[in-house]
């Protein structure tokens, strides 16, 4: 379900779909039917499985730190730093990019901060909580 999730651009709609699918899988694992009307909180406690959105955010944060620490001219680093040269953009709000939410949480100098592996690893929980608060609103 989460293969390649490090590169996903998460939005509220995708998070909702993933959480809905995860709840369905938990009910199937525990052999609970919808008409039993057991609250989601109880199902979550019984299944003892971490939330899929939190897992994806943790993986994304780890991968961002790894790519920021890469040295040389690797394609992953070039893709992160790439800027479009087309003259005019489309009308309306620009589409979300992969690093927009990382930049929002860690600041514009996030690649410099990611060089310190221990500090970057400690900051993952704050990033996940901040993102979960934003997604729940």
N, C-alpha and C. Protein backbone atom coordinates (compact mmCIF):
# COMPACT_ATOMS: atom_id res chain seq x y z
N UNK A 1 0.81 -1.19 0.00
CA UNK A 1 0.00 0.00 0.00
C UNK A 1 0.86 1.26 0.00
N UNK A 2 2.03 1.19 0.58
CA UNK A 2 2.86 2.39 0.70
C UNK A 2 4.13 2.31 -0.14
N UNK A 3 4.17 1.47 -1.14
CA UNK A 3 5.37 1.34 -1.96
C UNK A 3 5.69 2.67 -2.65
N UNK A 4 6.87 3.16 -2.46
CA UNK A 4 7.29 4.41 -3.08
C UNK A 4 6.68 5.64 -2.45
N UNK A 5 6.18 5.51 -1.23
CA UNK A 5 5.46 6.62 -0.59
C UNK A 5 6.36 7.81 -0.28
N UNK A 6 7.67 7.62 -0.30
CA UNK A 6 8.58 8.71 0.01
C UNK A 6 8.47 9.84 -1.01
N UNK A 7 8.03 9.52 -2.20
CA UNK A 7 7.98 10.52 -3.27
C UNK A 7 6.58 11.07 -3.51
N UNK A 8 5.61 10.66 -2.72
CA UNK A 8 4.24 11.12 -2.93
C UNK A 8 4.06 12.55 -2.46
N UNK A 9 3.16 13.25 -3.11
CA UNK A 9 2.73 14.56 -2.67
C UNK A 9 1.39 14.34 -1.99
N UNK A 10 1.38 14.49 -0.67
CA UNK A 10 0.16 14.20 0.08
C UNK A 10 -0.75 15.43 0.15
N UNK A 11 -2.02 15.19 -0.03
CA UNK A 11 -3.03 16.22 0.19
C UNK A 11 -4.15 15.59 1.02
N UNK A 12 -5.11 16.39 1.41
CA UNK A 12 -6.17 15.89 2.29
C UNK A 12 -6.96 14.76 1.64
N UNK A 13 -7.21 14.87 0.35
CA UNK A 13 -8.00 13.86 -0.35
C UNK A 13 -7.29 12.51 -0.36
N UNK A 14 -5.99 12.52 -0.67
CA UNK A 14 -5.23 11.28 -0.69
C UNK A 14 -5.14 10.68 0.71
N UNK A 15 -4.92 11.53 1.71
CA UNK A 15 -4.85 11.04 3.10
C UNK A 15 -6.16 10.37 3.49
N UNK A 16 -7.27 10.98 3.14
CA UNK A 16 -8.57 10.41 3.46
C UNK A 16 -8.76 9.05 2.79
N UNK A 17 -8.37 8.94 1.54
CA UNK A 17 -8.49 7.65 0.83
C UNK A 17 -7.63 6.58 1.47
N UNK A 18 -6.40 6.94 1.83
CA UNK A 18 -5.49 5.97 2.46
C UNK A 18 -6.02 5.51 3.81
N UNK A 19 -6.52 6.46 4.61
CA UNK A 19 -7.04 6.09 5.92
C UNK A 19 -8.31 5.25 5.80
N UNK A 20 -9.14 5.54 4.81
CA UNK A 20 -10.33 4.73 4.59
C UNK A 20 -9.95 3.30 4.21
N UNK A 21 -8.97 3.17 3.32
CA UNK A 21 -8.52 1.84 2.91
C UNK A 21 -7.91 1.09 4.10
N UNK A 22 -7.15 1.81 4.92
CA UNK A 22 -6.54 1.16 6.08
C UNK A 22 -7.60 0.69 7.07
N UNK A 23 -8.63 1.51 7.29
CA UNK A 23 -9.71 1.09 8.20
C UNK A 23 -10.40 -0.16 7.67
N UNK A 24 -10.62 -0.22 6.36
CA UNK A 24 -11.25 -1.40 5.77
C UNK A 24 -10.37 -2.63 5.97
N UNK A 25 -9.07 -2.46 5.80
CA UNK A 25 -8.15 -3.59 6.00
C UNK A 25 -8.14 -4.05 7.45
N UNK A 26 -8.17 -3.10 8.39
CA UNK A 26 -8.20 -3.47 9.81
C UNK A 26 -9.47 -4.24 10.14
N UNK A 27 -10.61 -3.78 9.62
CA UNK A 27 -11.86 -4.49 9.87
C UNK A 27 -11.79 -5.90 9.31
N UNK A 28 -11.20 -6.04 8.14
CA UNK A 28 -11.08 -7.36 7.51
C UNK A 28 -10.17 -8.26 8.35
N UNK A 29 -9.06 -7.70 8.85
CA UNK A 29 -8.14 -8.48 9.67
C UNK A 29 -8.80 -8.97 10.96
N UNK A 30 -9.62 -8.11 11.55
CA UNK A 30 -10.26 -8.44 12.82
C UNK A 30 -11.63 -9.11 12.63
N UNK A 31 -12.02 -9.31 11.38
CA UNK A 31 -13.30 -9.94 11.03
C UNK A 31 -14.47 -9.18 11.64
N UNK A 32 -14.45 -7.86 11.46
CA UNK A 32 -15.50 -6.98 11.94
C UNK A 32 -16.27 -6.46 10.73
N UNK A 33 -17.57 -6.51 10.81
CA UNK A 33 -18.39 -6.00 9.70
C UNK A 33 -18.80 -4.56 9.99
N UNK A 34 -19.13 -3.83 8.95
CA UNK A 34 -19.56 -2.44 9.10
C UNK A 34 -20.83 -2.34 9.94
N UNK A 35 -21.72 -3.28 9.76
CA UNK A 35 -22.99 -3.20 10.49
C UNK A 35 -22.84 -3.50 11.97
N UNK A 36 -21.66 -3.98 12.40
CA UNK A 36 -21.40 -4.15 13.83
C UNK A 36 -21.26 -2.80 14.52
N UNK A 37 -21.01 -1.76 13.74
CA UNK A 37 -20.85 -0.36 14.18
C UNK A 37 -19.96 -0.22 15.41
N UNK A 38 -18.74 -0.72 15.27
CA UNK A 38 -17.72 -0.56 16.30
C UNK A 38 -16.93 0.70 15.95
N UNK A 39 -16.72 1.58 16.92
CA UNK A 39 -16.00 2.83 16.63
C UNK A 39 -14.58 2.58 16.13
N UNK A 40 -14.12 3.50 15.32
CA UNK A 40 -12.78 3.40 14.73
C UNK A 40 -11.70 3.36 15.79
N UNK A 41 -11.88 4.08 16.87
CA UNK A 41 -10.87 4.12 17.93
C UNK A 41 -10.66 2.74 18.53
N UNK A 42 -11.74 2.00 18.73
CA UNK A 42 -11.62 0.65 19.28
C UNK A 42 -10.95 -0.29 18.29
N UNK A 43 -11.29 -0.14 17.02
CA UNK A 43 -10.65 -0.98 15.99
C UNK A 43 -9.16 -0.70 15.94
N UNK A 44 -8.79 0.59 16.05
CA UNK A 44 -7.37 0.97 16.02
C UNK A 44 -6.64 0.35 17.20
N UNK A 45 -7.26 0.34 18.39
CA UNK A 45 -6.62 -0.25 19.57
C UNK A 45 -6.45 -1.75 19.42
N UNK A 46 -7.46 -2.42 18.86
CA UNK A 46 -7.39 -3.87 18.70
C UNK A 46 -6.35 -4.28 17.66
N UNK A 47 -6.27 -3.53 16.57
CA UNK A 47 -5.37 -3.90 15.47
C UNK A 47 -3.92 -3.60 15.80
N UNK A 48 -3.65 -2.58 16.61
CA UNK A 48 -2.31 -2.16 17.00
C UNK A 48 -1.41 -1.94 15.78
N UNK A 49 -1.93 -1.20 14.82
CA UNK A 49 -1.20 -0.86 13.60
C UNK A 49 -1.06 0.66 13.56
N UNK A 50 0.13 1.14 13.16
CA UNK A 50 0.31 2.59 13.11
C UNK A 50 -0.49 3.18 11.96
N UNK A 51 -0.80 4.45 12.07
CA UNK A 51 -1.57 5.15 11.05
C UNK A 51 -0.76 5.24 9.76
N UNK A 52 -1.38 4.98 8.63
CA UNK A 52 -0.69 4.96 7.35
C UNK A 52 -0.14 6.33 6.98
N UNK A 53 -0.85 7.39 7.30
CA UNK A 53 -0.38 8.73 6.95
C UNK A 53 0.86 9.09 7.78
N UNK A 54 0.87 8.72 9.05
CA UNK A 54 2.06 8.96 9.87
C UNK A 54 3.26 8.19 9.33
N UNK A 55 3.03 6.95 8.92
CA UNK A 55 4.11 6.13 8.37
C UNK A 55 4.67 6.78 7.09
N UNK A 56 3.78 7.25 6.22
CA UNK A 56 4.22 7.87 4.97
C UNK A 56 5.01 9.14 5.26
N UNK A 57 4.54 9.95 6.20
CA UNK A 57 5.25 11.17 6.53
C UNK A 57 6.63 10.88 7.12
N UNK A 58 6.72 9.85 7.95
CA UNK A 58 8.02 9.48 8.53
C UNK A 58 8.98 9.03 7.43
N UNK A 59 8.50 8.23 6.50
CA UNK A 59 9.34 7.77 5.40
C UNK A 59 9.79 8.93 4.51
N UNK A 60 8.87 9.84 4.25
CA UNK A 60 9.19 11.00 3.41
C UNK A 60 10.26 11.86 4.08
N UNK A 61 10.14 12.08 5.38
CA UNK A 61 11.10 12.89 6.13
C UNK A 61 12.48 12.23 6.12
N UNK A 62 12.50 10.91 6.31
CA UNK A 62 13.78 10.18 6.29
C UNK A 62 14.43 10.27 4.92
N UNK A 63 13.63 10.11 3.87
CA UNK A 63 14.18 10.15 2.51
C UNK A 63 14.67 11.55 2.16
N UNK A 64 13.97 12.57 2.65
CA UNK A 64 14.40 13.95 2.41
C UNK A 64 15.77 14.18 3.04
N UNK A 65 15.97 13.70 4.25
CA UNK A 65 17.27 13.83 4.90
C UNK A 65 18.35 13.08 4.16
N UNK A 66 18.02 11.90 3.68
CA UNK A 66 19.00 11.09 2.96
C UNK A 66 19.41 11.77 1.66
N UNK A 67 18.46 12.29 0.91
CA UNK A 67 18.80 12.95 -0.35
C UNK A 67 19.54 14.26 -0.11
N UNK A 68 19.23 14.96 0.97
CA UNK A 68 19.94 16.21 1.27
C UNK A 68 21.40 15.93 1.63
N UNK A 69 21.67 14.78 2.23
CA UNK A 69 23.04 14.45 2.61
C UNK A 69 23.84 13.83 1.47
N UNK A 70 23.21 13.54 0.35
CA UNK A 70 23.94 12.95 -0.77
C UNK A 70 24.98 13.92 -1.28
N UNK A 71 26.11 13.37 -1.68
CA UNK A 71 27.12 14.22 -2.29
C UNK A 71 27.26 13.86 -3.76
N UNK A 72 27.80 14.75 -4.52
CA UNK A 72 27.96 14.50 -5.94
C UNK A 72 26.78 15.00 -6.74
N UNK A 73 26.68 14.48 -7.92
CA UNK A 73 25.67 14.97 -8.87
C UNK A 73 24.63 13.88 -9.14
N UNK A 74 24.03 13.34 -8.10
CA UNK A 74 23.06 12.26 -8.26
C UNK A 74 21.74 12.81 -8.76
N UNK A 75 20.99 11.98 -9.48
CA UNK A 75 19.76 12.46 -10.11
C UNK A 75 18.68 12.81 -9.09
N UNK A 76 18.65 12.14 -7.95
CA UNK A 76 17.64 12.46 -6.95
C UNK A 76 17.84 13.88 -6.42
N UNK A 77 19.08 14.25 -6.17
CA UNK A 77 19.37 15.59 -5.68
C UNK A 77 19.07 16.63 -6.76
N UNK A 78 19.40 16.31 -8.00
CA UNK A 78 19.11 17.24 -9.10
C UNK A 78 17.61 17.43 -9.27
N UNK A 79 16.83 16.37 -9.08
CA UNK A 79 15.37 16.48 -9.22
C UNK A 79 14.78 17.38 -8.13
N UNK A 80 15.33 17.29 -6.92
CA UNK A 80 14.82 18.13 -5.83
C UNK A 80 15.11 19.60 -6.11
N UNK A 81 16.30 19.89 -6.63
CA UNK A 81 16.72 21.27 -6.83
C UNK A 81 16.28 21.85 -8.17
N UNK A 82 15.65 21.07 -9.01
CA UNK A 82 15.28 21.52 -10.35
C UNK A 82 14.24 22.63 -10.31
N UNK A 83 14.43 23.63 -11.14
CA UNK A 83 13.48 24.73 -11.28
C UNK A 83 13.05 24.79 -12.75
N UNK A 84 11.78 24.95 -12.98
CA UNK A 84 11.25 25.04 -14.33
C UNK A 84 11.70 26.35 -14.97
N UNK A 85 12.02 26.30 -16.28
CA UNK A 85 12.44 27.51 -16.96
C UNK A 85 11.37 28.03 -17.91
N UNK A 86 10.22 27.41 -17.91
CA UNK A 86 9.18 27.89 -18.80
C UNK A 86 8.75 29.28 -18.34
N UNK A 87 8.49 30.14 -19.28
CA UNK A 87 8.21 31.54 -18.98
C UNK A 87 7.03 31.76 -18.06
N UNK A 88 5.85 31.38 -18.47
CA UNK A 88 4.65 31.63 -17.67
C UNK A 88 4.08 30.32 -17.16
N UNK A 89 3.53 30.38 -15.98
CA UNK A 89 2.89 29.20 -15.42
C UNK A 89 1.42 29.18 -15.79
N UNK A 90 0.76 28.13 -15.43
CA UNK A 90 -0.67 28.03 -15.66
C UNK A 90 -1.40 28.98 -14.73
N UNK A 91 -2.64 29.28 -15.08
CA UNK A 91 -3.45 30.14 -14.22
C UNK A 91 -3.83 29.41 -12.95
N UNK A 92 -4.03 30.17 -11.90
CA UNK A 92 -4.47 29.59 -10.65
C UNK A 92 -3.33 29.27 -9.71
N UNK A 93 -3.68 28.56 -8.67
CA UNK A 93 -2.69 28.19 -7.65
C UNK A 93 -1.70 27.19 -8.22
N UNK A 94 -0.41 27.36 -7.94
CA UNK A 94 0.56 26.38 -8.42
C UNK A 94 0.36 25.03 -7.74
N UNK A 95 0.65 23.97 -8.45
CA UNK A 95 0.50 22.64 -7.88
C UNK A 95 1.53 22.43 -6.77
N UNK A 96 1.16 21.63 -5.81
CA UNK A 96 2.06 21.32 -4.70
C UNK A 96 3.25 20.52 -5.23
N UNK A 97 4.39 20.82 -4.70
CA UNK A 97 5.59 20.07 -5.05
C UNK A 97 5.99 19.19 -3.88
N UNK A 98 6.86 18.26 -4.14
CA UNK A 98 7.25 17.26 -3.15
C UNK A 98 7.82 17.91 -1.90
N UNK A 99 8.65 18.91 -2.07
CA UNK A 99 9.34 19.47 -0.91
C UNK A 99 8.62 20.64 -0.26
N UNK A 100 7.45 21.02 -0.74
CA UNK A 100 6.75 22.16 -0.18
C UNK A 100 6.41 21.98 1.30
N UNK A 101 5.90 20.81 1.67
CA UNK A 101 5.54 20.62 3.07
C UNK A 101 6.79 20.43 3.95
N UNK A 102 7.86 19.90 3.39
CA UNK A 102 9.11 19.79 4.15
C UNK A 102 9.68 21.19 4.38
N UNK A 103 9.66 22.01 3.35
CA UNK A 103 10.15 23.38 3.47
C UNK A 103 9.29 24.17 4.46
N UNK A 104 7.99 23.91 4.45
CA UNK A 104 7.08 24.61 5.36
C UNK A 104 7.39 24.23 6.82
N UNK A 105 7.74 22.97 7.05
CA UNK A 105 7.99 22.51 8.42
C UNK A 105 9.42 22.83 8.89
N UNK A 106 10.40 22.66 8.01
CA UNK A 106 11.80 22.81 8.42
C UNK A 106 12.42 24.13 8.02
N UNK A 107 11.74 24.89 7.17
CA UNK A 107 12.28 26.17 6.74
C UNK A 107 12.99 26.06 5.40
N UNK A 108 13.34 27.20 4.83
CA UNK A 108 13.95 27.19 3.50
C UNK A 108 15.34 26.57 3.47
N UNK A 109 16.01 26.50 4.61
CA UNK A 109 17.36 25.93 4.66
C UNK A 109 17.34 24.48 5.16
N UNK A 110 16.29 23.74 4.81
CA UNK A 110 16.12 22.39 5.34
C UNK A 110 17.24 21.46 4.91
N UNK A 111 17.80 21.68 3.73
CA UNK A 111 18.87 20.78 3.27
C UNK A 111 20.13 20.95 4.11
N UNK A 112 20.38 22.17 4.56
CA UNK A 112 21.52 22.40 5.45
C UNK A 112 21.28 21.75 6.81
N UNK A 113 20.05 21.87 7.32
CA UNK A 113 19.73 21.29 8.61
C UNK A 113 19.77 19.76 8.57
N UNK A 114 19.48 19.18 7.42
CA UNK A 114 19.46 17.72 7.30
C UNK A 114 20.86 17.12 7.31
N UNK A 115 21.89 17.94 7.19
CA UNK A 115 23.25 17.43 7.22
C UNK A 115 23.58 16.82 8.58
N UNK A 116 22.99 17.37 9.64
CA UNK A 116 23.15 16.81 10.98
C UNK A 116 22.11 15.70 11.16
N UNK A 117 22.54 14.49 11.02
CA UNK A 117 21.64 13.34 11.00
C UNK A 117 20.84 13.19 12.30
N UNK A 118 21.48 13.38 13.45
CA UNK A 118 20.78 13.22 14.73
C UNK A 118 19.70 14.28 14.91
N UNK A 119 20.03 15.52 14.61
CA UNK A 119 19.07 16.60 14.75
C UNK A 119 17.88 16.40 13.81
N UNK A 120 18.15 15.97 12.59
CA UNK A 120 17.10 15.72 11.61
C UNK A 120 16.19 14.59 12.06
N UNK A 121 16.78 13.56 12.63
CA UNK A 121 15.99 12.41 13.10
C UNK A 121 15.08 12.80 14.26
N UNK A 122 15.55 13.69 15.13
CA UNK A 122 14.73 14.14 16.25
C UNK A 122 13.57 15.02 15.80
N UNK A 123 13.75 15.74 14.71
CA UNK A 123 12.72 16.68 14.27
C UNK A 123 11.58 16.00 13.51
N UNK A 124 11.66 14.71 13.25
CA UNK A 124 10.63 14.01 12.49
C UNK A 124 9.28 14.02 13.22
N UNK A 125 9.28 13.87 14.53
CA UNK A 125 8.01 13.80 15.26
C UNK A 125 7.26 15.13 15.18
N UNK A 126 7.98 16.23 15.29
CA UNK A 126 7.35 17.54 15.16
C UNK A 126 6.75 17.74 13.79
N UNK A 127 7.46 17.26 12.78
CA UNK A 127 6.97 17.37 11.40
C UNK A 127 5.68 16.57 11.22
N UNK A 128 5.64 15.36 11.73
CA UNK A 128 4.47 14.51 11.59
C UNK A 128 3.27 15.12 12.31
N UNK A 129 3.49 15.57 13.55
CA UNK A 129 2.39 16.17 14.31
C UNK A 129 1.87 17.42 13.64
N UNK A 130 2.78 18.24 13.10
CA UNK A 130 2.36 19.46 12.40
C UNK A 130 1.54 19.11 11.17
N UNK A 131 1.96 18.10 10.44
CA UNK A 131 1.25 17.71 9.23
C UNK A 131 -0.10 17.11 9.55
N UNK A 132 -0.17 16.31 10.61
CA UNK A 132 -1.42 15.68 10.99
C UNK A 132 -2.44 16.74 11.44
N UNK A 133 -1.97 17.78 12.14
CA UNK A 133 -2.87 18.86 12.54
C UNK A 133 -3.42 19.57 11.31
N UNK A 134 -2.57 19.80 10.33
CA UNK A 134 -2.99 20.48 9.11
C UNK A 134 -3.98 19.63 8.33
N UNK A 135 -3.73 18.32 8.26
CA UNK A 135 -4.60 17.43 7.50
C UNK A 135 -5.97 17.24 8.16
N UNK A 136 -6.02 17.36 9.48
CA UNK A 136 -7.28 17.14 10.16
C UNK A 136 -8.22 18.34 10.08
N UNK A 137 -7.69 19.51 9.74
CA UNK A 137 -8.52 20.72 9.66
C UNK A 137 -9.29 20.81 8.39
